[in-house]
Amino acid sequence: MTDDVVIGPLDLAAHVDEALAVQALAFGLDDDEIAVRRQIVLRHVTYPGARALGATTPEGRLVGFVYGMPNDRAHWWSSVVEPYLRAQDIDHWLDDCFVITELHVHPRHQDRGIGRTLITKLTDAATQSRSILSAIDTDSPARGLYRSLGYTDLARNVHFPSAPRPYAVMGAPLPLRRR
């Protein structure tokens, strides 16, 4: 990782617009999608155990962030993925797990280990025995990162309402694998 980026706790509610600007660049979101996600993030940060980390330049510019929380089967995301996991008799993955809700790094700062550092530092503080996340179901650099950390596919071709592309649900035991 480069020396010019500092990883540390992030008050996501106070920096939601900066975080969503990074996500919009990394994920290709339009203004309407950003507005919807803004409300989701602001709701998520109120959940018990929700935590966020940011990657900040010396000038104070946010160039990456990760946030997550202990899973709750009553949460929307969990209710969508549960049938896919139950169909394979692995829905126990939703219990005692820490969900990585979002992980994004500004495109100019990718491939420097920032995403790896963000996710490992966040999950290292988790008390759960495993982590779970969803990622677009393509062979992407993000999925490669997750696999290198020990995440494996639990379900593929998972369809979230209003998402145009299918997702993969991935899980890993904690602590995450190191290089």
Protein backbone atom coordinates (compact mmCIF):
# COMPACT_ATOMS: atom_id res chain seq x y z
CA MET A 1 0.00 0.00 0.00
CA THR A 2 1.16 3.53 -0.61
CA ASP A 3 2.43 5.60 2.30
CA ASP A 4 0.21 8.56 1.45
CA VAL A 5 -3.09 6.90 2.44
CA VAL A 6 -4.13 6.43 6.06
CA ILE A 7 -6.66 3.76 7.05
CA GLY A 8 -8.76 4.52 10.11
CA PRO A 9 -12.23 4.73 11.62
CA LEU A 10 -14.77 6.58 9.48
CA ASP A 11 -17.85 8.43 10.69
CA LEU A 12 -19.84 7.25 7.70
CA ALA A 13 -22.91 9.36 8.48
CA ALA A 14 -20.77 12.52 8.47
CA HIS A 15 -18.93 11.47 5.29
CA VAL A 16 -21.72 9.72 3.38
CA ASP A 17 -21.52 12.01 0.36
CA GLU A 18 -17.75 11.60 0.06
CA ALA A 19 -18.11 7.82 0.39
CA LEU A 20 -20.86 7.67 -2.22
CA ALA A 21 -18.76 9.78 -4.60
CA VAL A 22 -16.04 7.10 -4.34
CA GLN A 23 -18.65 4.35 -4.80
CA ALA A 24 -20.16 6.14 -7.82
CA LEU A 25 -16.75 6.24 -9.53
CA ALA A 26 -15.79 2.69 -8.56
CA PHE A 27 -19.21 1.17 -9.29
CA GLY A 28 -20.62 3.42 -12.01
CA LEU A 29 -23.66 4.87 -10.21
CA ASP A 30 -25.89 7.64 -11.52
CA ASP A 31 -27.41 10.41 -9.41
CA ASP A 32 -30.68 8.53 -8.80
CA GLU A 33 -28.81 5.44 -7.60
CA ILE A 34 -26.64 7.58 -5.34
CA ALA A 35 -29.74 9.17 -3.77
CA VAL A 36 -31.22 5.74 -3.01
CA ARG A 37 -27.95 4.41 -1.62
CA ARG A 38 -27.52 7.52 0.53
CA GLN A 39 -30.70 6.67 2.42
CA ILE A 40 -29.65 3.03 2.75
CA VAL A 41 -26.21 3.94 4.15
CA LEU A 42 -27.70 6.41 6.63
CA ARG A 43 -30.07 3.69 7.84
CA HIS A 44 -27.33 1.05 8.02
CA VAL A 45 -25.05 3.17 10.23
CA THR A 46 -27.75 3.12 12.92
CA TYR A 47 -27.74 -0.70 13.15
CA PRO A 48 -26.11 -2.28 16.21
CA GLY A 49 -22.47 -3.14 15.58
CA ALA A 50 -22.18 -1.25 12.28
CA ARG A 51 -18.61 -0.08 11.70
CA ALA A 52 -16.79 1.76 8.93
CA LEU A 53 -13.20 2.42 7.97
CA GLY A 54 -11.91 4.95 5.49
CA ALA A 55 -8.78 5.44 3.43
CA THR A 56 -7.80 9.10 3.45
CA THR A 57 -5.06 11.07 1.68
CA PRO A 58 -2.85 13.51 3.63
CA GLU A 59 -5.08 16.29 2.24
CA GLY A 60 -8.08 14.64 3.92
CA ARG A 61 -9.67 13.28 0.74
CA LEU A 62 -11.52 9.98 1.14
CA VAL A 63 -10.31 7.53 -1.52
CA GLY A 64 -11.76 4.30 -0.17
CA PHE A 65 -14.13 2.94 2.44
CA VAL A 66 -15.61 -0.23 3.82
CA TYR A 67 -18.50 -0.79 6.16
CA GLY A 68 -20.33 -3.71 7.58
CA MET A 69 -22.27 -5.08 10.50
CA PRO A 70 -23.24 -8.28 12.27
CA ASN A 71 -25.84 -10.06 10.16
CA ASP A 72 -29.47 -9.97 11.20
CA ARG A 73 -31.79 -12.32 9.31
CA ALA A 74 -34.50 -9.64 9.52
CA HIS A 75 -32.43 -7.23 7.39
CA TRP A 76 -33.41 -6.88 3.73
CA TRP A 77 -30.12 -8.20 2.30
CA SER A 78 -30.24 -11.31 4.45
CA SER A 79 -33.87 -11.99 3.53
CA VAL A 80 -32.98 -11.84 -0.18
CA VAL A 81 -29.97 -14.18 -0.02
CA GLU A 82 -31.43 -16.64 2.52
CA PRO A 83 -33.51 -18.65 0.00
CA TYR A 84 -30.46 -19.11 -2.25
CA LEU A 85 -28.42 -20.43 0.67
CA ARG A 86 -31.27 -22.50 2.09
CA ALA A 87 -31.69 -24.22 -1.29
CA GLN A 88 -28.17 -25.61 -0.76
CA ASP A 89 -28.73 -26.25 2.95
CA ILE A 90 -26.08 -23.67 3.91
CA ASP A 91 -28.24 -20.88 5.31
CA HIS A 92 -26.38 -21.33 8.63
CA TRP A 93 -23.80 -19.00 7.01
CA LEU A 94 -26.20 -16.17 7.89
CA ASP A 95 -25.73 -16.84 11.60
CA ASP A 96 -22.69 -15.63 13.57
CA CYS A 97 -21.40 -13.69 10.58
CA PHE A 98 -20.21 -10.19 9.85
CA VAL A 99 -21.57 -8.77 6.60
CA ILE A 100 -19.36 -6.62 4.41
CA THR A 101 -21.98 -4.23 3.12
CA GLU A 102 -19.82 -2.05 0.86
CA LEU A 103 -16.14 -1.89 -0.07
CA HIS A 104 -15.02 0.64 -2.68
CA VAL A 105 -11.74 2.25 -3.65
CA HIS A 106 -11.38 5.21 -6.00
CA PRO A 107 -10.21 3.89 -9.39
CA ARG A 108 -6.97 5.94 -9.26
CA HIS A 109 -6.09 4.30 -5.94
CA GLN A 110 -6.93 0.69 -6.82
CA ASP A 111 -4.34 -2.09 -7.03
CA ARG A 112 -2.35 -0.65 -4.09
CA GLY A 113 -3.64 -2.92 -1.32
CA ILE A 114 -6.10 -0.36 0.04
CA GLY A 115 -9.17 -2.57 -0.38
CA ARG A 116 -7.35 -5.54 1.17
CA THR A 117 -6.29 -3.44 4.17
CA LEU A 118 -9.76 -1.96 4.64
CA ILE A 119 -11.58 -5.31 4.65
CA THR A 120 -9.02 -7.15 6.80
CA LYS A 121 -8.88 -4.38 9.42
CA LEU A 122 -12.68 -4.23 9.56
CA THR A 123 -13.15 -7.98 9.91
CA ASP A 124 -10.23 -8.34 12.35
CA ALA A 125 -12.35 -6.38 14.84
CA ALA A 126 -15.40 -8.61 14.32
CA THR A 127 -16.40 -11.06 17.04
CA GLN A 128 -18.25 -13.33 14.60
CA SER A 129 -16.72 -16.55 13.31
CA ARG A 130 -17.18 -15.77 9.62
CA SER A 131 -17.82 -13.03 7.09
CA ILE A 132 -20.24 -12.91 4.20
CA LEU A 133 -20.73 -10.49 1.30
CA SER A 134 -22.23 -10.16 -2.15
CA ALA A 135 -20.45 -9.07 -5.31
CA ILE A 136 -21.49 -8.79 -8.93
CA ASP A 137 -21.27 -12.31 -10.34
CA THR A 138 -18.46 -11.73 -12.83
CA ASP A 139 -14.76 -12.55 -12.82
CA SER A 140 -13.75 -9.12 -11.53
CA PRO A 141 -10.75 -7.80 -9.60
CA ALA A 142 -13.04 -7.47 -6.56
CA ARG A 143 -13.97 -11.16 -6.67
CA GLY A 144 -10.29 -12.01 -7.11
CA LEU A 145 -9.48 -9.99 -3.98
CA TYR A 146 -12.23 -11.73 -2.02
CA ARG A 147 -11.03 -15.18 -3.14
CA SER A 148 -7.45 -14.30 -2.12
CA LEU A 149 -8.77 -13.48 1.36
CA GLY A 150 -10.45 -16.89 1.69
CA TYR A 151 -13.97 -16.09 0.49
CA THR A 152 -15.62 -18.83 -1.54
CA ASP A 153 -18.84 -18.83 -3.53
CA LEU A 154 -21.84 -19.83 -1.45
CA ALA A 155 -24.44 -18.96 -4.10
CA ARG A 156 -24.24 -17.65 -7.65
CA ASN A 157 -26.74 -15.95 -9.91
CA VAL A 158 -28.44 -14.24 -6.95
CA HIS A 159 -30.96 -11.63 -8.06
CA PHE A 160 -31.58 -8.55 -5.95
CA PRO A 161 -34.72 -6.57 -6.76
CA SER A 162 -33.89 -3.64 -9.07
CA ALA A 163 -30.28 -4.81 -9.61
CA PRO A 164 -29.69 -5.29 -13.34
CA ARG A 165 -26.94 -7.91 -12.92
CA PRO A 166 -26.81 -11.10 -10.85
CA TYR A 167 -24.63 -11.32 -7.75
CA ALA A 168 -22.58 -14.01 -6.05
CA VAL A 169 -22.77 -14.48 -2.29
CA MET A 170 -19.37 -15.31 -0.83
CA GLY A 171 -18.31 -16.37 2.65
CA ALA A 172 -15.05 -16.79 4.53
CA PRO A 173 -14.01 -17.92 8.00
CA LEU A 174 -12.54 -15.21 10.20
CA PRO A 175 -9.85 -14.09 10.50
CA LEU A 176 -9.42 -13.58 6.76
CA ARG A 177 -6.50 -15.27 5.03
CA ARG A 178 -3.29 -13.27 4.74
CA ARG A 179 -0.91 -13.42 1.81
